[in-house]
Amino acid sequence: MNIGRHEHGEIEVECPSCGACLKIDVALGKVIGHELPPRRTETRSLDQASQVLEKEQARREALFQKSTEAEKTKPDLLQRKFEEALRKSKDEPATPPFRDIDLD
């Protein structure tokens, strides 16, 4: 963290996370100025960009394959859930539904 002092009771502090420059009045203990950090531009080569695109394509393909496999087993899962609910409902006694008039 860079700190610079001025003769008017001000200090300049550089933000460690974003790099912005904050001017702080020591007597007031308040920020009196803020300068945005210079924009960082990352220059990537075409090779790096193509590698990133290939990785993203592989990730998308893996997600698609996973989704496809989940859809293939979905009918079996729903059938098992239905059979389990049917089995549980057979074990429970049948009761008539409550109506509003029955609660009076």
N, C-alpha and C. Protein backbone atom coordinates (compact mmCIF):
# COMPACT_ATOMS: atom_id res chain seq x y z
N MET A 1 0.86 -1.17 0.00
CA MET A 1 0.00 0.00 0.00
C MET A 1 0.90 1.23 0.00
N ASN A 2 0.70 2.10 -0.94
CA ASN A 2 1.48 3.32 -1.04
C ASN A 2 0.78 4.44 -0.30
N ILE A 3 1.55 5.17 0.54
CA ILE A 3 1.01 6.31 1.27
C ILE A 3 1.91 7.50 0.99
N GLY A 4 1.30 8.60 0.55
CA GLY A 4 2.05 9.83 0.31
C GLY A 4 1.52 10.93 1.22
N ARG A 5 2.41 11.76 1.73
CA ARG A 5 2.00 12.84 2.64
C ARG A 5 2.15 14.20 1.94
N HIS A 6 1.23 15.10 2.24
CA HIS A 6 1.27 16.46 1.73
C HIS A 6 1.40 17.40 2.91
N GLU A 7 1.82 18.66 2.63
CA GLU A 7 2.03 19.62 3.72
C GLU A 7 0.74 20.17 4.30
N HIS A 8 -0.41 19.95 3.70
CA HIS A 8 -1.67 20.51 4.17
C HIS A 8 -2.45 19.54 5.06
N GLY A 9 -1.79 18.56 5.63
CA GLY A 9 -2.47 17.61 6.49
C GLY A 9 -3.28 16.59 5.70
N GLU A 10 -2.83 16.30 4.51
CA GLU A 10 -3.51 15.32 3.67
C GLU A 10 -2.57 14.16 3.41
N ILE A 11 -3.16 12.99 3.24
CA ILE A 11 -2.37 11.84 2.83
C ILE A 11 -3.05 11.21 1.62
N GLU A 12 -2.24 10.57 0.80
CA GLU A 12 -2.77 9.84 -0.35
C GLU A 12 -2.52 8.36 -0.09
N VAL A 13 -3.56 7.58 -0.25
CA VAL A 13 -3.48 6.14 -0.01
C VAL A 13 -3.94 5.42 -1.27
N GLU A 14 -3.19 4.40 -1.65
CA GLU A 14 -3.57 3.60 -2.80
C GLU A 14 -4.33 2.37 -2.31
N CYS A 15 -5.50 2.15 -2.87
CA CYS A 15 -6.34 1.00 -2.49
C CYS A 15 -5.64 -0.28 -2.93
N PRO A 16 -5.47 -1.24 -2.03
CA PRO A 16 -4.78 -2.46 -2.40
C PRO A 16 -5.57 -3.37 -3.34
N SER A 17 -6.88 -3.26 -3.35
CA SER A 17 -7.67 -4.15 -4.20
C SER A 17 -7.89 -3.59 -5.60
N CYS A 18 -8.20 -2.29 -5.72
CA CYS A 18 -8.51 -1.76 -7.05
C CYS A 18 -7.46 -0.80 -7.58
N GLY A 19 -6.55 -0.31 -6.72
CA GLY A 19 -5.51 0.59 -7.17
C GLY A 19 -5.92 2.05 -7.24
N ALA A 20 -7.12 2.39 -6.76
CA ALA A 20 -7.57 3.78 -6.77
C ALA A 20 -6.76 4.60 -5.77
N CYS A 21 -6.62 5.88 -6.03
CA CYS A 21 -5.88 6.78 -5.14
C CYS A 21 -6.89 7.59 -4.33
N LEU A 22 -6.81 7.47 -3.02
CA LEU A 22 -7.72 8.20 -2.13
C LEU A 22 -6.94 9.31 -1.44
N LYS A 23 -7.48 10.54 -1.44
CA LYS A 23 -6.90 11.66 -0.70
C LYS A 23 -7.70 11.80 0.58
N ILE A 24 -7.00 11.77 1.72
CA ILE A 24 -7.66 11.80 3.02
C ILE A 24 -7.15 13.00 3.80
N ASP A 25 -8.08 13.78 4.35
CA ASP A 25 -7.74 14.89 5.23
C ASP A 25 -7.54 14.30 6.62
N VAL A 26 -6.32 14.45 7.16
CA VAL A 26 -5.99 13.85 8.45
C VAL A 26 -6.79 14.48 9.58
N ALA A 27 -6.95 15.78 9.55
CA ALA A 27 -7.68 16.47 10.62
C ALA A 27 -9.14 16.05 10.66
N LEU A 28 -9.77 15.92 9.50
CA LEU A 28 -11.17 15.53 9.44
C LEU A 28 -11.36 14.01 9.50
N GLY A 29 -10.34 13.30 9.05
CA GLY A 29 -10.45 11.85 8.99
C GLY A 29 -11.42 11.38 7.92
N LYS A 30 -11.54 12.18 6.87
CA LYS A 30 -12.48 11.88 5.78
C LYS A 30 -11.77 11.88 4.45
N VAL A 31 -12.35 11.16 3.50
CA VAL A 31 -11.85 11.15 2.13
C VAL A 31 -12.29 12.44 1.45
N ILE A 32 -11.34 13.17 0.89
CA ILE A 32 -11.69 14.42 0.21
C ILE A 32 -11.47 14.33 -1.30
N GLY A 33 -10.85 13.25 -1.75
CA GLY A 33 -10.62 13.09 -3.19
C GLY A 33 -10.46 11.63 -3.55
N HIS A 34 -10.84 11.32 -4.77
CA HIS A 34 -10.76 9.94 -5.25
C HIS A 34 -10.38 9.95 -6.71
N GLU A 35 -9.33 9.23 -7.07
CA GLU A 35 -8.92 9.12 -8.48
C GLU A 35 -8.98 7.65 -8.87
N LEU A 36 -9.67 7.38 -9.95
CA LEU A 36 -9.77 6.01 -10.43
C LEU A 36 -8.41 5.52 -10.90
N PRO A 37 -8.16 4.23 -10.77
CA PRO A 37 -6.88 3.70 -11.23
C PRO A 37 -6.83 3.68 -12.75
N PRO A 38 -5.64 3.68 -13.31
CA PRO A 38 -5.55 3.58 -14.77
C PRO A 38 -6.07 2.23 -15.23
N ARG A 39 -6.72 2.23 -16.36
CA ARG A 39 -7.28 0.98 -16.90
C ARG A 39 -6.15 0.04 -17.27
N ARG A 40 -6.35 -1.19 -16.86
CA ARG A 40 -5.38 -2.23 -17.23
C ARG A 40 -5.92 -2.96 -18.45
N THR A 41 -5.12 -3.03 -19.44
CA THR A 41 -5.53 -3.78 -20.62
C THR A 41 -4.61 -4.97 -20.76
N GLU A 42 -5.22 -6.12 -20.74
CA GLU A 42 -4.44 -7.34 -20.93
C GLU A 42 -4.43 -7.66 -22.41
N THR A 43 -3.25 -7.79 -22.91
CA THR A 43 -3.14 -8.16 -24.31
C THR A 43 -2.87 -9.66 -24.37
N ARG A 44 -3.74 -10.33 -25.03
CA ARG A 44 -3.59 -11.76 -25.19
C ARG A 44 -3.29 -12.06 -26.65
N SER A 45 -2.51 -13.05 -26.81
CA SER A 45 -2.21 -13.46 -28.17
C SER A 45 -3.37 -14.29 -28.70
N LEU A 46 -3.37 -14.51 -29.98
CA LEU A 46 -4.42 -15.33 -30.59
C LEU A 46 -4.36 -16.76 -30.08
N ASP A 47 -3.17 -17.24 -29.78
CA ASP A 47 -3.03 -18.59 -29.25
C ASP A 47 -3.69 -18.71 -27.87
N GLN A 48 -3.47 -17.71 -27.03
CA GLN A 48 -4.10 -17.73 -25.70
C GLN A 48 -5.61 -17.63 -25.83
N ALA A 49 -6.08 -16.79 -26.71
CA ALA A 49 -7.52 -16.63 -26.89
C ALA A 49 -8.14 -17.92 -27.41
N SER A 50 -7.47 -18.59 -28.33
CA SER A 50 -8.02 -19.84 -28.86
C SER A 50 -8.01 -20.93 -27.79
N GLN A 51 -7.02 -20.93 -26.90
CA GLN A 51 -6.99 -21.90 -25.81
C GLN A 51 -8.16 -21.67 -24.86
N VAL A 52 -8.43 -20.41 -24.57
CA VAL A 52 -9.56 -20.09 -23.69
C VAL A 52 -10.87 -20.54 -24.33
N LEU A 53 -11.02 -20.28 -25.62
CA LEU A 53 -12.23 -20.69 -26.32
C LEU A 53 -12.37 -22.21 -26.36
N GLU A 54 -11.28 -22.92 -26.54
CA GLU A 54 -11.32 -24.38 -26.55
C GLU A 54 -11.73 -24.93 -25.18
N LYS A 55 -11.20 -24.33 -24.11
CA LYS A 55 -11.55 -24.76 -22.76
C LYS A 55 -13.03 -24.53 -22.50
N GLU A 56 -13.53 -23.37 -22.92
CA GLU A 56 -14.95 -23.07 -22.73
C GLU A 56 -15.82 -24.01 -23.54
N GLN A 57 -15.41 -24.35 -24.74
CA GLN A 57 -16.17 -25.27 -25.57
C GLN A 57 -16.20 -26.66 -24.92
N ALA A 58 -15.08 -27.10 -24.37
CA ALA A 58 -15.02 -28.40 -23.70
C ALA A 58 -15.92 -28.40 -22.46
N ARG A 59 -15.93 -27.28 -21.72
CA ARG A 59 -16.78 -27.18 -20.53
C ARG A 59 -18.26 -27.23 -20.92
N ARG A 60 -18.62 -26.51 -21.98
CA ARG A 60 -20.01 -26.52 -22.44
C ARG A 60 -20.42 -27.90 -22.90
N GLU A 61 -19.53 -28.57 -23.60
CA GLU A 61 -19.82 -29.92 -24.10
C GLU A 61 -20.03 -30.89 -22.93
N ALA A 62 -19.20 -30.77 -21.89
CA ALA A 62 -19.34 -31.64 -20.71
C ALA A 62 -20.67 -31.38 -20.01
N LEU A 63 -21.05 -30.12 -19.89
CA LEU A 63 -22.33 -29.79 -19.27
C LEU A 63 -23.50 -30.32 -20.09
N PHE A 64 -23.38 -30.24 -21.41
CA PHE A 64 -24.43 -30.74 -22.28
C PHE A 64 -24.56 -32.26 -22.14
N GLN A 65 -23.43 -32.96 -22.11
CA GLN A 65 -23.46 -34.42 -21.96
C GLN A 65 -24.08 -34.81 -20.63
N LYS A 66 -23.75 -34.09 -19.58
CA LYS A 66 -24.32 -34.36 -18.26
C LYS A 66 -25.82 -34.15 -18.27
N SER A 67 -26.27 -33.08 -18.90
CA SER A 67 -27.69 -32.79 -19.01
C SER A 67 -28.41 -33.86 -19.82
N THR A 68 -27.78 -34.32 -20.89
CA THR A 68 -28.36 -35.35 -21.73
C THR A 68 -28.53 -36.66 -20.96
N GLU A 69 -27.52 -37.02 -20.18
CA GLU A 69 -27.59 -38.25 -19.37
C GLU A 69 -28.69 -38.14 -18.32
N ALA A 70 -28.84 -36.97 -17.73
CA ALA A 70 -29.89 -36.76 -16.71
C ALA A 70 -31.26 -36.90 -17.35
N GLU A 71 -31.43 -36.41 -18.57
CA GLU A 71 -32.72 -36.53 -19.25
C GLU A 71 -33.03 -37.97 -19.63
N LYS A 72 -32.01 -38.77 -19.93
CA LYS A 72 -32.23 -40.17 -20.27
C LYS A 72 -32.76 -40.97 -19.09
N THR A 73 -32.30 -40.65 -17.88
CA THR A 73 -32.72 -41.39 -16.69
C THR A 73 -33.93 -40.76 -16.00
N LYS A 74 -34.39 -39.64 -16.48
CA LYS A 74 -35.50 -38.94 -15.84
C LYS A 74 -36.79 -39.78 -15.79
N PRO A 75 -37.20 -40.47 -16.87
CA PRO A 75 -38.43 -41.27 -16.78
C PRO A 75 -38.35 -42.37 -15.71
N ASP A 76 -37.19 -43.02 -15.59
CA ASP A 76 -37.02 -44.05 -14.57
C ASP A 76 -37.13 -43.46 -13.17
N LEU A 77 -36.53 -42.30 -12.98
CA LEU A 77 -36.59 -41.64 -11.68
C LEU A 77 -38.03 -41.27 -11.33
N LEU A 78 -38.75 -40.71 -12.28
CA LEU A 78 -40.14 -40.33 -12.03
C LEU A 78 -41.00 -41.56 -11.75
N GLN A 79 -40.75 -42.66 -12.45
CA GLN A 79 -41.50 -43.89 -12.22
C GLN A 79 -41.24 -44.42 -10.81
N ARG A 80 -40.00 -44.41 -10.38
CA ARG A 80 -39.67 -44.88 -9.02
C ARG A 80 -40.33 -43.99 -7.97
N LYS A 81 -40.30 -42.68 -8.18
CA LYS A 81 -40.94 -41.77 -7.23
C LYS A 81 -42.44 -42.02 -7.16
N PHE A 82 -43.06 -42.27 -8.32
CA PHE A 82 -44.49 -42.54 -8.36
C PHE A 82 -44.80 -43.84 -7.62
N GLU A 83 -44.01 -44.88 -7.85
CA GLU A 83 -44.24 -46.16 -7.18
C GLU A 83 -44.08 -46.02 -5.68
N GLU A 84 -43.09 -45.26 -5.24
CA GLU A 84 -42.88 -45.04 -3.80
C GLU A 84 -44.07 -44.29 -3.19
N ALA A 85 -44.55 -43.26 -3.86
CA ALA A 85 -45.70 -42.51 -3.36
C ALA A 85 -46.94 -43.39 -3.35
N LEU A 86 -47.12 -44.24 -4.35
CA LEU A 86 -48.26 -45.16 -4.41
C LEU A 86 -48.19 -46.17 -3.27
N ARG A 87 -47.00 -46.68 -2.99
CA ARG A 87 -46.82 -47.64 -1.90
C ARG A 87 -47.15 -46.99 -0.56
N LYS A 88 -46.69 -45.76 -0.36
CA LYS A 88 -46.98 -45.05 0.89
C LYS A 88 -48.47 -44.77 1.03
N SER A 89 -49.12 -44.42 -0.07
CA SER A 89 -50.54 -44.10 0.00
C SER A 89 -51.37 -45.34 0.31
N LYS A 90 -50.93 -46.53 -0.08
CA LYS A 90 -51.65 -47.77 0.22
C LYS A 90 -51.56 -48.09 1.69
N ASP A 91 -50.48 -47.72 2.35
CA ASP A 91 -50.29 -48.00 3.77
C ASP A 91 -51.11 -47.07 4.66
N GLU A 92 -51.44 -45.88 4.17
CA GLU A 92 -52.18 -44.90 4.96
C GLU A 92 -53.68 -45.15 4.81
N PRO A 93 -54.42 -44.93 5.90
CA PRO A 93 -55.88 -45.09 5.79
C PRO A 93 -56.48 -43.96 4.96
N ALA A 94 -57.53 -44.30 4.25
CA ALA A 94 -58.23 -43.31 3.43
C ALA A 94 -59.12 -42.47 4.33
N THR A 95 -58.95 -41.17 4.28
CA THR A 95 -59.79 -40.24 5.05
C THR A 95 -60.44 -39.28 4.08
N PRO A 96 -61.70 -38.92 4.38
CA PRO A 96 -62.36 -37.97 3.48
C PRO A 96 -61.72 -36.59 3.62
N PRO A 97 -61.71 -35.83 2.57
CA PRO A 97 -61.12 -34.49 2.63
C PRO A 97 -61.98 -33.58 3.51
N PHE A 98 -61.32 -32.63 4.17
CA PHE A 98 -62.03 -31.66 4.99
C PHE A 98 -62.66 -30.59 4.11
N ARG A 99 -63.87 -30.22 4.49
CA ARG A 99 -64.54 -29.12 3.82
C ARG A 99 -64.70 -27.99 4.82
N ASP A 100 -64.85 -26.79 4.34
CA ASP A 100 -65.02 -25.63 5.24
C ASP A 100 -66.23 -25.79 6.15
N ILE A 101 -67.28 -26.38 5.64
CA ILE A 101 -68.50 -26.53 6.42
C ILE A 101 -68.31 -27.52 7.57
N ASP A 102 -67.39 -28.48 7.40
CA ASP A 102 -67.12 -29.45 8.47
C ASP A 102 -66.42 -28.82 9.66
N LEU A 103 -65.79 -27.69 9.48
CA LEU A 103 -65.04 -27.07 10.57
C LEU A 103 -65.92 -26.25 11.50
N ASP A 104 -67.18 -25.99 11.16
CA ASP A 104 -68.06 -25.19 12.01
C ASP A 104 -68.57 -25.96 13.17
